[in-house]
Amino acid sequence: MEYCYIFLPLSLDISQSLSIVIQNDGNIISPLKNRTIEELLEIQKQKFTVLIIHAEHVSIYNIKLPNLSSKKAQTAIEFAIEPQLAQSMTSVHLTYNYDQTNQSYKVIVLDKRKLKTLIEQ
């Protein structure tokens, strides 16, 4: 498996990002460098692509809940996190993962407008 990592700058301007392609065993296929959008589209084909964004653009929460089915987890997380947000649930994107060690969900919240800005570049 090959991985394409794209490191977005604080501005979220993908044309100013750095990227690298690495094999599963750690060998570098394509070195870390700035690439055009066309080059990024080409190098990330057939690869697992990871966008890395600055933590300033997300909020991270630890929600104490038991390990639930996916649908129940999403509903419970939204209910638990909504009072903590300055925005409505419809204007944010949530991603989460259950942490067995702490028996809680790590929840990352990203403003959908920022996500849309990335997609439209």
PDB file of N, CA and C in Angstrom:
ATOM      1  N   MET A   1       0.841  -1.178   0.000  1.00  0.00           N
ATOM      2  CA  MET A   1       0.000   0.000   0.000  1.00  0.00           C
ATOM      3  C   MET A   1       0.884   1.239   0.000  1.00  0.00           C
ATOM      4  N   GLU A   2       0.481   2.209  -0.779  1.00  0.00           N
ATOM      5  CA  GLU A   2       1.203   3.474  -0.828  1.00  0.00           C
ATOM      6  C   GLU A   2       0.333   4.568  -0.221  1.00  0.00           C
ATOM      7  N   TYR A   3       0.985   5.499   0.475  1.00  0.00           N
ATOM      8  CA  TYR A   3       0.292   6.585   1.166  1.00  0.00           C
ATOM      9  C   TYR A   3       0.771   7.928   0.630  1.00  0.00           C
ATOM     10  N   CYS A   4      -0.180   8.799   0.330  1.00  0.00           N
ATOM     11  CA  CYS A   4       0.127  10.158  -0.076  1.00  0.00           C
ATOM     12  C   CYS A   4      -0.298  11.079   1.060  1.00  0.00           C
ATOM     13  N   TYR A   5       0.662  11.779   1.631  1.00  0.00           N
ATOM     14  CA  TYR A   5       0.387  12.724   2.710  1.00  0.00           C
ATOM     15  C   TYR A   5       0.480  14.134   2.154  1.00  0.00           C
ATOM     16  N   ILE A   6      -0.584  14.902   2.374  1.00  0.00           N
ATOM     17  CA  ILE A   6      -0.602  16.294   1.925  1.00  0.00           C
ATOM     18  C   ILE A   6      -0.702  17.169   3.165  1.00  0.00           C
ATOM     19  N   PHE A   7       0.311  17.995   3.380  1.00  0.00           N
ATOM     20  CA  PHE A   7       0.395  18.863   4.545  1.00  0.00           C
ATOM     21  C   PHE A   7      -0.097  20.251   4.150  1.00  0.00           C
ATOM     22  N   LEU A   8      -1.303  20.596   4.588  1.00  0.00           N
ATOM     23  CA  LEU A   8      -1.877  21.894   4.238  1.00  0.00           C
ATOM     24  C   LEU A   8      -1.350  22.980   5.164  1.00  0.00           C
ATOM     25  N   PRO A   9      -1.054  24.159   4.608  1.00  0.00           N
ATOM     26  CA  PRO A   9      -0.591  25.260   5.455  1.00  0.00           C
ATOM     27  C   PRO A   9      -1.754  25.850   6.255  1.00  0.00           C
ATOM     28  N   LEU A  10      -1.443  26.707   7.172  1.00  0.00           N
ATOM     29  CA  LEU A  10      -2.465  27.354   7.994  1.00  0.00           C
ATOM     30  C   LEU A  10      -3.530  28.038   7.138  1.00  0.00           C
ATOM     31  N   SER A  11      -3.138  28.567   6.002  1.00  0.00           N
ATOM     32  CA  SER A  11      -4.071  29.265   5.105  1.00  0.00           C
ATOM     33  C   SER A  11      -5.040  28.314   4.400  1.00  0.00           C
ATOM     34  N   LEU A  12      -4.781  27.016   4.463  1.00  0.00           N
ATOM     35  CA  LEU A  12      -5.541  25.975   3.769  1.00  0.00           C
ATOM     36  C   LEU A  12      -5.436  26.076   2.245  1.00  0.00           C
ATOM     37  N   ASP A  13      -4.454  26.812   1.763  1.00  0.00           N
ATOM     38  CA  ASP A  13      -4.236  26.960   0.325  1.00  0.00           C
ATOM     39  C   ASP A  13      -3.457  25.743  -0.165  1.00  0.00           C
ATOM     40  N   ILE A  14      -4.150  24.874  -0.866  1.00  0.00           N
ATOM     41  CA  ILE A  14      -3.527  23.618  -1.291  1.00  0.00           C
ATOM     42  C   ILE A  14      -2.344  23.842  -2.235  1.00  0.00           C
ATOM     43  N   SER A  15      -2.332  24.977  -2.945  1.00  0.00           N
ATOM     44  CA  SER A  15      -1.214  25.268  -3.842  1.00  0.00           C
ATOM     45  C   SER A  15       0.077  25.565  -3.067  1.00  0.00           C
ATOM     46  N   GLN A  16      -0.035  25.813  -1.772  1.00  0.00           N
ATOM     47  CA  GLN A  16       1.138  26.064  -0.930  1.00  0.00           C
ATOM     48  C   GLN A  16       1.462  24.871  -0.031  1.00  0.00           C
ATOM     49  N   SER A  17       0.826  23.746  -0.295  1.00  0.00           N
ATOM     50  CA  SER A  17       1.029  22.578   0.556  1.00  0.00           C
ATOM     51  C   SER A  17       2.268  21.796   0.152  1.00  0.00           C
ATOM     52  N   LEU A  18       2.728  20.988   1.080  1.00  0.00           N
ATOM     53  CA  LEU A  18       3.808  20.048   0.813  1.00  0.00           C
ATOM     54  C   LEU A  18       3.201  18.656   0.773  1.00  0.00           C
ATOM     55  N   SER A  19       3.800  17.767  -0.009  1.00  0.00           N
ATOM     56  CA  SER A  19       3.290  16.401  -0.069  1.00  0.00           C
ATOM     57  C   SER A  19       4.438  15.419  -0.210  1.00  0.00           C
ATOM     58  N   ILE A  20       4.155  14.182   0.185  1.00  0.00           N
ATOM     59  CA  ILE A  20       5.131  13.099   0.115  1.00  0.00           C
ATOM     60  C   ILE A  20       4.357  11.799  -0.122  1.00  0.00           C
ATOM     61  N   VAL A  21       4.973  10.872  -0.845  1.00  0.00           N
ATOM     62  CA  VAL A  21       4.374   9.552  -1.047  1.00  0.00           C
ATOM     63  C   VAL A  21       5.322   8.523  -0.443  1.00  0.00           C
ATOM     64  N   ILE A  22       4.761   7.682   0.408  1.00  0.00           N
ATOM     65  CA  ILE A  22       5.553   6.694   1.148  1.00  0.00           C
ATOM     66  C   ILE A  22       4.915   5.317   0.997  1.00  0.00           C
ATOM     67  N   GLN A  23       5.742   4.302   0.852  1.00  0.00           N
ATOM     68  CA  GLN A  23       5.255   2.927   0.825  1.00  0.00           C
ATOM     69  C   GLN A  23       4.966   2.465   2.246  1.00  0.00           C
ATOM     70  N   ASN A  24       4.223   1.393   2.341  1.00  0.00           N
ATOM     71  CA  ASN A  24       3.867   0.806   3.632  1.00  0.00           C
ATOM     72  C   ASN A  24       5.099   0.503   4.491  1.00  0.00           C
ATOM     73  N   ASP A  25       6.202   0.132   3.856  1.00  0.00           N
ATOM     74  CA  ASP A  25       7.415  -0.213   4.600  1.00  0.00           C
ATOM     75  C   ASP A  25       8.272   1.003   4.959  1.00  0.00           C
ATOM     76  N   GLY A  26       7.793   2.205   4.611  1.00  0.00           N
ATOM     77  CA  GLY A  26       8.505   3.431   4.959  1.00  0.00           C
ATOM     78  C   GLY A  26       9.388   3.993   3.859  1.00  0.00           C
ATOM     79  N   ASN A  27       9.547   3.266   2.775  1.00  0.00           N
ATOM     80  CA  ASN A  27      10.362   3.776   1.663  1.00  0.00           C
ATOM     81  C   ASN A  27       9.661   4.952   0.994  1.00  0.00           C
ATOM     82  N   ILE A  28      10.437   5.980   0.695  1.00  0.00           N
ATOM     83  CA  ILE A  28       9.887   7.178   0.055  1.00  0.00           C
ATOM     84  C   ILE A  28       9.835   6.953  -1.450  1.00  0.00           C
ATOM     85  N   ILE A  29       8.634   7.117  -2.002  1.00  0.00           N
ATOM     86  CA  ILE A  29       8.431   6.968  -3.442  1.00  0.00           C
ATOM     87  C   ILE A  29       8.598   8.317  -4.123  1.00  0.00           C
ATOM     88  N   SER A  30       8.021   9.337  -3.511  1.00  0.00           N
ATOM     89  CA  SER A  30       8.104  10.694  -4.041  1.00  0.00           C
ATOM     90  C   SER A  30       8.420  11.621  -2.872  1.00  0.00           C
ATOM     91  N   PRO A  31       9.528  12.360  -2.932  1.00  0.00           N
ATOM     92  CA  PRO A  31       9.980  13.133  -1.767  1.00  0.00           C
ATOM     93  C   PRO A  31       9.057  14.301  -1.402  1.00  0.00           C
ATOM     94  N   LEU A  32       9.244  14.788  -0.203  1.00  0.00           N
ATOM     95  CA  LEU A  32       8.482  15.924   0.302  1.00  0.00           C
ATOM     96  C   LEU A  32       8.818  17.164  -0.520  1.00  0.00           C
ATOM     97  N   LYS A  33       7.785  17.747  -1.133  1.00  0.00           N
ATOM     98  CA  LYS A  33       7.985  18.966  -1.891  1.00  0.00           C
ATOM     99  C   LYS A  33       6.649  19.629  -2.189  1.00  0.00           C
ATOM    100  N   ASN A  34       6.715  20.870  -2.647  1.00  0.00           N
ATOM    101  CA  ASN A  34       5.520  21.595  -3.075  1.00  0.00           C
ATOM    102  C   ASN A  34       5.184  21.130  -4.487  1.00  0.00           C
ATOM    103  N   ARG A  35       3.885  20.853  -4.724  1.00  0.00           N
ATOM    104  CA  ARG A  35       3.441  20.393  -6.029  1.00  0.00           C
ATOM    105  C   ARG A  35       2.250  21.221  -6.496  1.00  0.00           C
ATOM    106  N   THR A  36       2.072  21.292  -7.788  1.00  0.00           N
ATOM    107  CA  THR A  36       0.881  21.954  -8.327  1.00  0.00           C
ATOM    108  C   THR A  36      -0.332  21.074  -8.037  1.00  0.00           C
ATOM    109  N   ILE A  37      -1.509  21.636  -8.169  1.00  0.00           N
ATOM    110  CA  ILE A  37      -2.731  20.858  -7.950  1.00  0.00           C
ATOM    111  C   ILE A  37      -2.786  19.694  -8.937  1.00  0.00           C
ATOM    112  N   GLU A  38      -2.380  19.929 -10.168  1.00  0.00           N
ATOM    113  CA  GLU A  38      -2.363  18.867 -11.181  1.00  0.00           C
ATOM    114  C   GLU A  38      -1.435  17.730 -10.759  1.00  0.00           C
ATOM    115  N   GLU A  39      -0.257  18.085 -10.243  1.00  0.00           N
ATOM    116  CA  GLU A  39       0.687  17.065  -9.773  1.00  0.00           C
ATOM    117  C   GLU A  39       0.112  16.298  -8.588  1.00  0.00           C
ATOM    118  N   LEU A  40      -0.556  17.017  -7.675  1.00  0.00           N
ATOM    119  CA  LEU A  40      -1.168  16.346  -6.525  1.00  0.00           C
ATOM    120  C   LEU A  40      -2.230  15.355  -6.969  1.00  0.00           C
ATOM    121  N   LEU A  41      -3.057  15.765  -7.903  1.00  0.00           N
ATOM    122  CA  LEU A  41      -4.098  14.868  -8.415  1.00  0.00           C
ATOM    123  C   LEU A  41      -3.485  13.615  -9.020  1.00  0.00           C
ATOM    124  N   GLU A  42      -2.367  13.775  -9.691  1.00  0.00           N
ATOM    125  CA  GLU A  42      -1.714  12.637 -10.323  1.00  0.00           C
ATOM    126  C   GLU A  42      -1.049  11.706  -9.303  1.00  0.00           C
ATOM    127  N   ILE A  43      -0.286  12.272  -8.363  1.00  0.00           N
ATOM    128  CA  ILE A  43       0.459  11.402  -7.441  1.00  0.00           C
ATOM    129  C   ILE A  43      -0.430  10.694  -6.427  1.00  0.00           C
ATOM    130  N   GLN A  44      -1.612  11.234  -6.155  1.00  0.00           N
ATOM    131  CA  GLN A  44      -2.442  10.592  -5.138  1.00  0.00           C
ATOM    132  C   GLN A  44      -3.346   9.487  -5.711  1.00  0.00           C
ATOM    133  N   LYS A  45      -3.352   9.323  -7.027  1.00  0.00           N
ATOM    134  CA  LYS A  45      -4.148   8.255  -7.654  1.00  0.00           C
ATOM    135  C   LYS A  45      -3.694   6.893  -7.148  1.00  0.00           C
ATOM    136  N   GLN A  46      -4.653   6.038  -6.866  1.00  0.00           N
ATOM    137  CA  GLN A  46      -4.380   4.661  -6.439  1.00  0.00           C
ATOM    138  C   GLN A  46      -3.620   4.580  -5.123  1.00  0.00           C
ATOM    139  N   LYS A  47      -3.698   5.651  -4.308  1.00  0.00           N
ATOM    140  CA  LYS A  47      -3.005   5.670  -3.023  1.00  0.00           C
ATOM    141  C   LYS A  47      -3.975   6.061  -1.921  1.00  0.00           C
ATOM    142  N   PHE A  48      -3.679   5.652  -0.725  1.00  0.00           N
ATOM    143  CA  PHE A  48      -4.431   6.098   0.434  1.00  0.00           C
ATOM    144  C   PHE A  48      -3.946   7.514   0.717  1.00  0.00           C
ATOM    145  N   THR A  49      -4.838   8.495   0.607  1.00  0.00           N
ATOM    146  CA  THR A  49      -4.443   9.898   0.736  1.00  0.00           C
ATOM    147  C   THR A  49      -4.893  10.468   2.076  1.00  0.00           C
ATOM    148  N   VAL A  50      -3.973  11.135   2.740  1.00  0.00           N
ATOM    149  CA  VAL A  50      -4.232  11.740   4.040  1.00  0.00           C
ATOM    150  C   VAL A  50      -3.955  13.231   3.948  1.00  0.00           C
ATOM    151  N   LEU A  51      -4.967  14.038   4.296  1.00  0.00           N
ATOM    152  CA  LEU A  51      -4.781  15.491   4.378  1.00  0.00           C
ATOM    153  C   LEU A  51      -4.467  15.839   5.822  1.00  0.00           C
ATOM    154  N   ILE A  52      -3.400  16.558   6.039  1.00  0.00           N
ATOM    155  CA  ILE A  52      -3.017  16.972   7.387  1.00  0.00           C
ATOM    156  C   ILE A  52      -3.228  18.474   7.473  1.00  0.00           C
ATOM    157  N   ILE A  53      -4.123  18.874   8.379  1.00  0.00           N
ATOM    158  CA  ILE A  53      -4.418  20.296   8.522  1.00  0.00           C
ATOM    159  C   ILE A  53      -3.992  20.778   9.900  1.00  0.00           C
ATOM    160  N   HIS A  54      -3.763  22.048  10.002  1.00  0.00           N
ATOM    161  CA  HIS A  54      -3.319  22.675  11.247  1.00  0.00           C
ATOM    162  C   HIS A  54      -4.410  22.521  12.310  1.00  0.00           C
ATOM    163  N   ALA A  55      -4.010  22.233  13.523  1.00  0.00           N
ATOM    164  CA  ALA A  55      -4.959  22.020  14.628  1.00  0.00           C
ATOM    165  C   ALA A  55      -5.815  23.247  14.922  1.00  0.00           C
ATOM    166  N   GLU A  56      -5.374  24.411  14.469  1.00  0.00           N
ATOM    167  CA  GLU A  56      -6.152  25.627  14.678  1.00  0.00           C
ATOM    168  C   GLU A  56      -7.507  25.566  13.965  1.00  0.00           C
ATOM    169  N   HIS A  57      -7.614  24.719  12.960  1.00  0.00           N
ATOM    170  CA  HIS A  57      -8.841  24.615  12.167  1.00  0.00           C
ATOM    171  C   HIS A  57      -9.849  23.602  12.715  1.00  0.00           C
ATOM    172  N   VAL A  58      -9.480  22.873  13.744  1.00  0.00           N
ATOM    173  CA  VAL A  58     -10.374  21.858  14.298  1.00  0.00           C
ATOM    174  C   VAL A  58     -10.516  22.036  15.806  1.00  0.00           C
ATOM    175  N   SER A  59     -11.563  21.441  16.318  1.00  0.00           N
ATOM    176  CA  SER A  59     -11.734  21.341  17.766  1.00  0.00           C
ATOM    177  C   SER A  59     -11.732  19.865  18.110  1.00  0.00           C
ATOM    178  N   ILE A  60     -11.098  19.515  19.209  1.00  0.00           N
ATOM    179  CA  ILE A  60     -11.005  18.115  19.615  1.00  0.00           C
ATOM    180  C   ILE A  60     -11.673  17.952  20.970  1.00  0.00           C
ATOM    181  N   TYR A  61     -12.538  16.953  21.057  1.00  0.00           N
ATOM    182  CA  TYR A  61     -13.290  16.697  22.280  1.00  0.00           C
ATOM    183  C   TYR A  61     -13.113  15.246  22.691  1.00  0.00           C
ATOM    184  N   ASN A  62     -13.223  15.015  23.975  1.00  0.00           N
ATOM    185  CA  ASN A  62     -13.214  13.675  24.549  1.00  0.00           C
ATOM    186  C   ASN A  62     -14.600  13.458  25.157  1.00  0.00           C
ATOM    187  N   ILE A  63     -15.393  12.582  24.570  1.00  0.00           N
ATOM    188  CA  ILE A  63     -16.759  12.346  25.018  1.00  0.00           C
ATOM    189  C   ILE A  63     -16.847  10.977  25.676  1.00  0.00           C
ATOM    190  N   LYS A  64     -17.174  10.966  26.949  1.00  0.00           N
ATOM    191  CA  LYS A  64     -17.249   9.732  27.717  1.00  0.00           C
ATOM    192  C   LYS A  64     -18.573   9.028  27.418  1.00  0.00           C
ATOM    193  N   LEU A  65     -18.489   7.943  26.663  1.00  0.00           N
ATOM    194  CA  LEU A  65     -19.636   7.118  26.307  1.00  0.00           C
ATOM    195  C   LEU A  65     -19.161   5.680  26.178  1.00  0.00           C
ATOM    196  N   PRO A  66     -20.061   4.717  26.359  1.00  0.00           N
ATOM    197  CA  PRO A  66     -19.667   3.331  26.101  1.00  0.00           C
ATOM    198  C   PRO A  66     -19.490   3.117  24.597  1.00  0.00           C
ATOM    199  N   ASN A  67     -18.862   2.032  24.225  1.00  0.00           N
ATOM    200  CA  ASN A  67     -18.685   1.707  22.810  1.00  0.00           C
ATOM    201  C   ASN A  67     -20.042   1.315  22.227  1.00  0.00           C
ATOM    202  N   LEU A  68     -20.533   2.108  21.279  1.00  0.00           N
ATOM    203  CA  LEU A  68     -21.858   1.921  20.706  1.00  0.00           C
ATOM    204  C   LEU A  68     -21.769   1.544  19.233  1.00  0.00           C
ATOM    205  N   SER A  69     -22.884   1.075  18.687  1.00  0.00           N
ATOM    206  CA  SER A  69     -22.937   0.841  17.239  1.00  0.00           C
ATOM    207  C   SER A  69     -22.744   2.190  16.556  1.00  0.00           C
ATOM    208  N   SER A  70     -22.362   2.165  15.306  1.00  0.00           N
ATOM    209  CA  SER A  70     -22.036   3.392  14.577  1.00  0.00           C
ATOM    210  C   SER A  70     -23.177   4.405  14.594  1.00  0.00           C
ATOM    211  N   LYS A  71     -24.380   3.961  14.295  1.00  0.00           N
ATOM    212  CA  LYS A  71     -25.532   4.871  14.237  1.00  0.00           C
ATOM    213  C   LYS A  71     -25.841   5.438  15.628  1.00  0.00           C
ATOM    214  N   LYS A  72     -25.824   4.602  16.650  1.00  0.00           N
ATOM    215  CA  LYS A  72     -26.088   5.078  18.016  1.00  0.00           C
ATOM    216  C   LYS A  72     -24.985   6.014  18.488  1.00  0.00           C
ATOM    217  N   ALA A  73     -23.740   5.694  18.121  1.00  0.00           N
ATOM    218  CA  ALA A  73     -22.617   6.540  18.527  1.00  0.00           C
ATOM    219  C   ALA A  73     -22.756   7.933  17.932  1.00  0.00           C
ATOM    220  N   GLN A  74     -23.092   8.008  16.650  1.00  0.00           N
ATOM    221  CA  GLN A  74     -23.216   9.312  16.005  1.00  0.00           C
ATOM    222  C   GLN A  74     -24.303  10.149  16.676  1.00  0.00           C
ATOM    223  N   THR A  75     -25.444   9.551  16.946  1.00  0.00           N
ATOM    224  CA  THR A  75     -26.546  10.268  17.595  1.00  0.00           C
ATOM    225  C   THR A  75     -26.144  10.733  18.992  1.00  0.00           C
ATOM    226  N   ALA A  76     -25.533   9.845  19.769  1.00  0.00           N
ATOM    227  CA  ALA A  76     -25.144  10.171  21.141  1.00  0.00           C
ATOM    228  C   ALA A  76     -24.056  11.251  21.169  1.00  0.00           C
ATOM    229  N   ILE A  77     -23.108  11.156  20.252  1.00  0.00           N
ATOM    230  CA  ILE A  77     -22.026  12.142  20.192  1.00  0.00           C
ATOM    231  C   ILE A  77     -22.574  13.511  19.822  1.00  0.00           C
ATOM    232  N   GLU A  78     -23.435  13.560  18.822  1.00  0.00           N
ATOM    233  CA  GLU A  78     -24.035  14.835  18.429  1.00  0.00           C
ATOM    234  C   GLU A  78     -24.804  15.460  19.588  1.00  0.00           C
ATOM    235  N   PHE A  79     -25.564  14.651  20.298  1.00  0.00           N
ATOM    236  CA  PHE A  79     -26.340  15.141  21.439  1.00  0.00           C
ATOM    237  C   PHE A  79     -25.404  15.657  22.541  1.00  0.00           C
ATOM    238  N   ALA A  80     -24.311  14.933  22.797  1.00  0.00           N
ATOM    239  CA  ALA A  80     -23.379  15.302  23.868  1.00  0.00           C
ATOM    240  C   ALA A  80     -22.537  16.527  23.521  1.00  0.00           C
ATOM    241  N   ILE A  81     -22.225  16.684  22.256  1.00  0.00           N
ATOM    242  CA  ILE A  81     -21.293  17.743  21.873  1.00  0.00           C
ATOM    243  C   ILE A  81     -21.982  19.058  21.502  1.00  0.00           C
ATOM    244  N   GLU A  82     -23.231  18.999  21.080  1.00  0.00           N
ATOM    245  CA  GLU A  82     -23.915  20.206  20.602  1.00  0.00           C
ATOM    246  C   GLU A  82     -23.879  21.373  21.587  1.00  0.00           C
ATOM    247  N   PRO A  83     -24.109  21.160  22.892  1.00  0.00           N
ATOM    248  CA  PRO A  83     -24.055  22.303  23.822  1.00  0.00           C
ATOM    249  C   PRO A  83     -22.667  22.957  23.932  1.00  0.00           C
ATOM    250  N   GLN A  84     -21.626  22.229  23.555  1.00  0.00           N
ATOM    251  CA  GLN A  84     -20.262  22.750  23.654  1.00  0.00           C
ATOM    252  C   GLN A  84     -19.833  23.545  22.423  1.00  0.00           C
ATOM    253  N   LEU A  85     -20.628  23.476  21.354  1.00  0.00           N
ATOM    254  CA  LEU A  85     -20.263  24.130  20.106  1.00  0.00           C
ATOM    255  C   LEU A  85     -20.846  25.528  20.010  1.00  0.00           C
ATOM    256  N   ALA A  86     -20.093  26.410  19.383  1.00  0.00           N
ATOM    257  CA  ALA A  86     -20.573  27.772  19.137  1.00  0.00           C
ATOM    258  C   ALA A  86     -21.409  27.813  17.857  1.00  0.00           C
ATOM    259  N   GLN A  87     -21.385  26.732  17.092  1.00  0.00           N
ATOM    260  CA  GLN A  87     -22.098  26.646  15.827  1.00  0.00           C
ATOM    261  C   GLN A  87     -23.176  25.571  15.915  1.00  0.00           C
ATOM    262  N   SER A  88     -24.064  25.574  14.924  1.00  0.00           N
ATOM    263  CA  SER A  88     -25.078  24.516  14.878  1.00  0.00           C
ATOM    264  C   SER A  88     -24.447  23.243  14.333  1.00  0.00           C
ATOM    265  N   MET A  89     -25.031  22.127  14.648  1.00  0.00           N
ATOM    266  CA  MET A  89     -24.524  20.837  14.186  1.00  0.00           C
ATOM    267  C   MET A  89     -24.537  20.742  12.664  1.00  0.00           C
ATOM    268  N   THR A  90     -25.434  21.444  12.011  1.00  0.00           N
ATOM    269  CA  THR A  90     -25.520  21.380  10.551  1.00  0.00           C
ATOM    270  C   THR A  90     -24.355  22.088   9.863  1.00  0.00           C
ATOM    271  N   SER A  91     -23.617  22.922  10.589  1.00  0.00           N
ATOM    272  CA  SER A  91     -22.512  23.664   9.971  1.00  0.00           C
ATOM    273  C   SER A  91     -21.137  23.063  10.271  1.00  0.00           C
ATOM    274  N   VAL A  92     -21.116  21.890  10.913  1.00  0.00           N
ATOM    275  CA  VAL A  92     -19.832  21.256  11.228  1.00  0.00           C
ATOM    276  C   VAL A  92     -19.784  19.824  10.714  1.00  0.00           C
ATOM    277  N   HIS A  93     -18.569  19.359  10.500  1.00  0.00           N
ATOM    278  CA  HIS A  93     -18.322  17.965  10.130  1.00  0.00           C
ATOM    279  C   HIS A  93     -17.672  17.299  11.337  1.00  0.00           C
ATOM    280  N   LEU A  94     -18.185  16.135  11.727  1.00  0.00           N
ATOM    281  CA  LEU A  94     -17.626  15.390  12.863  1.00  0.00           C
ATOM    282  C   LEU A  94     -16.952  14.120  12.366  1.00  0.00           C
ATOM    283  N   THR A  95     -15.850  13.802  12.974  1.00  0.00           N
ATOM    284  CA  THR A  95     -15.263  12.482  12.807  1.00  0.00           C
ATOM    285  C   THR A  95     -14.863  12.003  14.199  1.00  0.00           C
ATOM    286  N   TYR A  96     -14.979  10.721  14.426  1.00  0.00           N
ATOM    287  CA  TYR A  96     -14.723  10.220  15.780  1.00  0.00           C
ATOM    288  C   TYR A  96     -14.187   8.805  15.743  1.00  0.00           C
ATOM    289  N   ASN A  97     -13.562   8.447  16.852  1.00  0.00           N
ATOM    290  CA  ASN A  97     -13.004   7.116  17.009  1.00  0.00           C
ATOM    291  C   ASN A  97     -13.120   6.722  18.477  1.00  0.00           C
ATOM    292  N   TYR A  98     -13.478   5.480  18.728  1.00  0.00           N
ATOM    293  CA  TYR A  98     -13.599   5.014  20.106  1.00  0.00           C
ATOM    294  C   TYR A  98     -12.231   4.641  20.657  1.00  0.00           C
ATOM    295  N   ASP A  99     -11.915   5.165  21.828  1.00  0.00           N
ATOM    296  CA  ASP A  99     -10.655   4.886  22.514  1.00  0.00           C
ATOM    297  C   ASP A  99     -10.939   3.866  23.612  1.00  0.00           C
ATOM    298  N   GLN A 100     -10.577   2.609  23.374  1.00  0.00           N
ATOM    299  CA  GLN A 100     -10.860   1.523  24.325  1.00  0.00           C
ATOM    300  C   GLN A 100     -10.180   1.757  25.674  1.00  0.00           C
ATOM    301  N   THR A 101      -8.974   2.324  25.641  1.00  0.00           N
ATOM    302  CA  THR A 101      -8.227   2.548  26.874  1.00  0.00           C
ATOM    303  C   THR A 101      -8.968   3.479  27.823  1.00  0.00           C
ATOM    304  N   ASN A 102      -9.480   4.586  27.288  1.00  0.00           N
ATOM    305  CA  ASN A 102     -10.189   5.571  28.109  1.00  0.00           C
ATOM    306  C   ASN A 102     -11.700   5.396  28.097  1.00  0.00           C
ATOM    307  N   GLN A 103     -12.175   4.421  27.342  1.00  0.00           N
ATOM    308  CA  GLN A 103     -13.609   4.168  27.192  1.00  0.00           C
ATOM    309  C   GLN A 103     -14.364   5.456  26.875  1.00  0.00           C
ATOM    310  N   SER A 104     -13.877   6.117  25.825  1.00  0.00           N
ATOM    311  CA  SER A 104     -14.499   7.365  25.391  1.00  0.00           C
ATOM    312  C   SER A 104     -14.245   7.552  23.905  1.00  0.00           C
ATOM    313  N   TYR A 105     -14.961   8.500  23.339  1.00  0.00           N
ATOM    314  CA  TYR A 105     -14.791   8.832  21.929  1.00  0.00           C
ATOM    315  C   TYR A 105     -13.938  10.089  21.788  1.00  0.00           C
ATOM    316  N   LYS A 106     -12.950  10.025  20.909  1.00  0.00           N
ATOM    317  CA  LYS A 106     -12.202  11.212  20.504  1.00  0.00           C
ATOM    318  C   LYS A 106     -12.968  11.776  19.315  1.00  0.00           C
ATOM    319  N   VAL A 107     -13.405  13.020  19.443  1.00  0.00           N
ATOM    320  CA  VAL A 107     -14.232  13.636  18.411  1.00  0.00           C
ATOM    321  C   VAL A 107     -13.509  14.855  17.861  1.00  0.00           C
ATOM    322  N   ILE A 108     -13.410  14.919  16.544  1.00  0.00           N
ATOM    323  CA  ILE A 108     -12.802  16.067  15.881  1.00  0.00           C
ATOM    324  C   ILE A 108     -13.893  16.785  15.107  1.00  0.00           C
ATOM    325  N   VAL A 109     -13.951  18.101  15.297  1.00  0.00           N
ATOM    326  CA  VAL A 109     -14.984  18.928  14.680  1.00  0.00           C
ATOM    327  C   VAL A 109     -14.314  19.922  13.739  1.00  0.00           C
ATOM    328  N   LEU A 110     -14.829  19.984  12.509  1.00  0.00           N
ATOM    329  CA  LEU A 110     -14.305  20.891  11.489  1.00  0.00           C
ATOM    330  C   LEU A 110     -15.473  21.652  10.874  1.00  0.00           C
ATOM    331  N   ASP A 111     -15.311  22.946  10.724  1.00  0.00           N
ATOM    332  CA  ASP A 111     -16.329  23.786  10.104  1.00  0.00           C
ATOM    333  C   ASP A 111     -16.506  23.361   8.644  1.00  0.00           C
ATOM    334  N   LYS A 112     -17.744  23.102   8.231  1.00  0.00           N
ATOM    335  CA  LYS A 112     -18.007  22.653   6.863  1.00  0.00           C
ATOM    336  C   LYS A 112     -17.582  23.681   5.821  1.00  0.00           C
ATOM    337  N   ARG A 113     -17.602  24.966   6.172  1.00  0.00           N
ATOM    338  CA  ARG A 113     -17.161  25.989   5.211  1.00  0.00           C
ATOM    339  C   ARG A 113     -15.686  25.820   4.886  1.00  0.00           C
ATOM    340  N   LYS A 114     -14.881  25.479   5.887  1.00  0.00           N
ATOM    341  CA  LYS A 114     -13.454  25.254   5.645  1.00  0.00           C
ATOM    342  C   LYS A 114     -13.250  24.010   4.789  1.00  0.00           C
ATOM    343  N   LEU A 115     -14.039  22.991   5.046  1.00  0.00           N
ATOM    344  CA  LEU A 115     -13.964  21.770   4.261  1.00  0.00           C
ATOM    345  C   LEU A 115     -14.367  22.051   2.812  1.00  0.00           C
ATOM    346  N   LYS A 116     -15.403  22.841   2.626  1.00  0.00           N
ATOM    347  CA  LYS A 116     -15.860  23.214   1.284  1.00  0.00           C
ATOM    348  C   LYS A 116     -14.776  24.011   0.554  1.00  0.00           C
ATOM    349  N   THR A 117     -14.099  24.918   1.270  1.00  0.00           N
ATOM    350  CA  THR A 117     -13.013  25.696   0.686  1.00  0.00           C
ATOM    351  C   THR A 117     -11.921  24.774   0.153  1.00  0.00           C
ATOM    352  N   LEU A 118     -11.589  23.743   0.920  1.00  0.00           N
ATOM    353  CA  LEU A 118     -10.575  22.777   0.489  1.00  0.00           C
ATOM    354  C   LEU A 118     -11.017  22.036  -0.765  1.00  0.00           C
ATOM    355  N   ILE A 119     -12.245  21.582  -0.768  1.00  0.00           N
ATOM    356  CA  ILE A 119     -12.758  20.783  -1.880  1.00  0.00           C
ATOM    357  C   ILE A 119     -12.830  21.593  -3.159  1.00  0.00           C
ATOM    358  N   GLU A 120     -13.158  22.869  -3.047  1.00  0.00           N
ATOM    359  CA  GLU A 120     -13.342  23.713  -4.228  1.00  0.00           C
ATOM    360  C   GLU A 120     -12.043  24.210  -4.849  1.00  0.00           C
ATOM    361  N   GLN A 121     -10.913  23.934  -4.240  1.00  0.00           N
ATOM    362  CA  GLN A 121      -9.640  24.421  -4.788  1.00  0.00           C
ATOM    363  C   GLN A 121      -9.231  23.667  -6.018  1.00  0.00           C
TER     364      GLN A 121
END
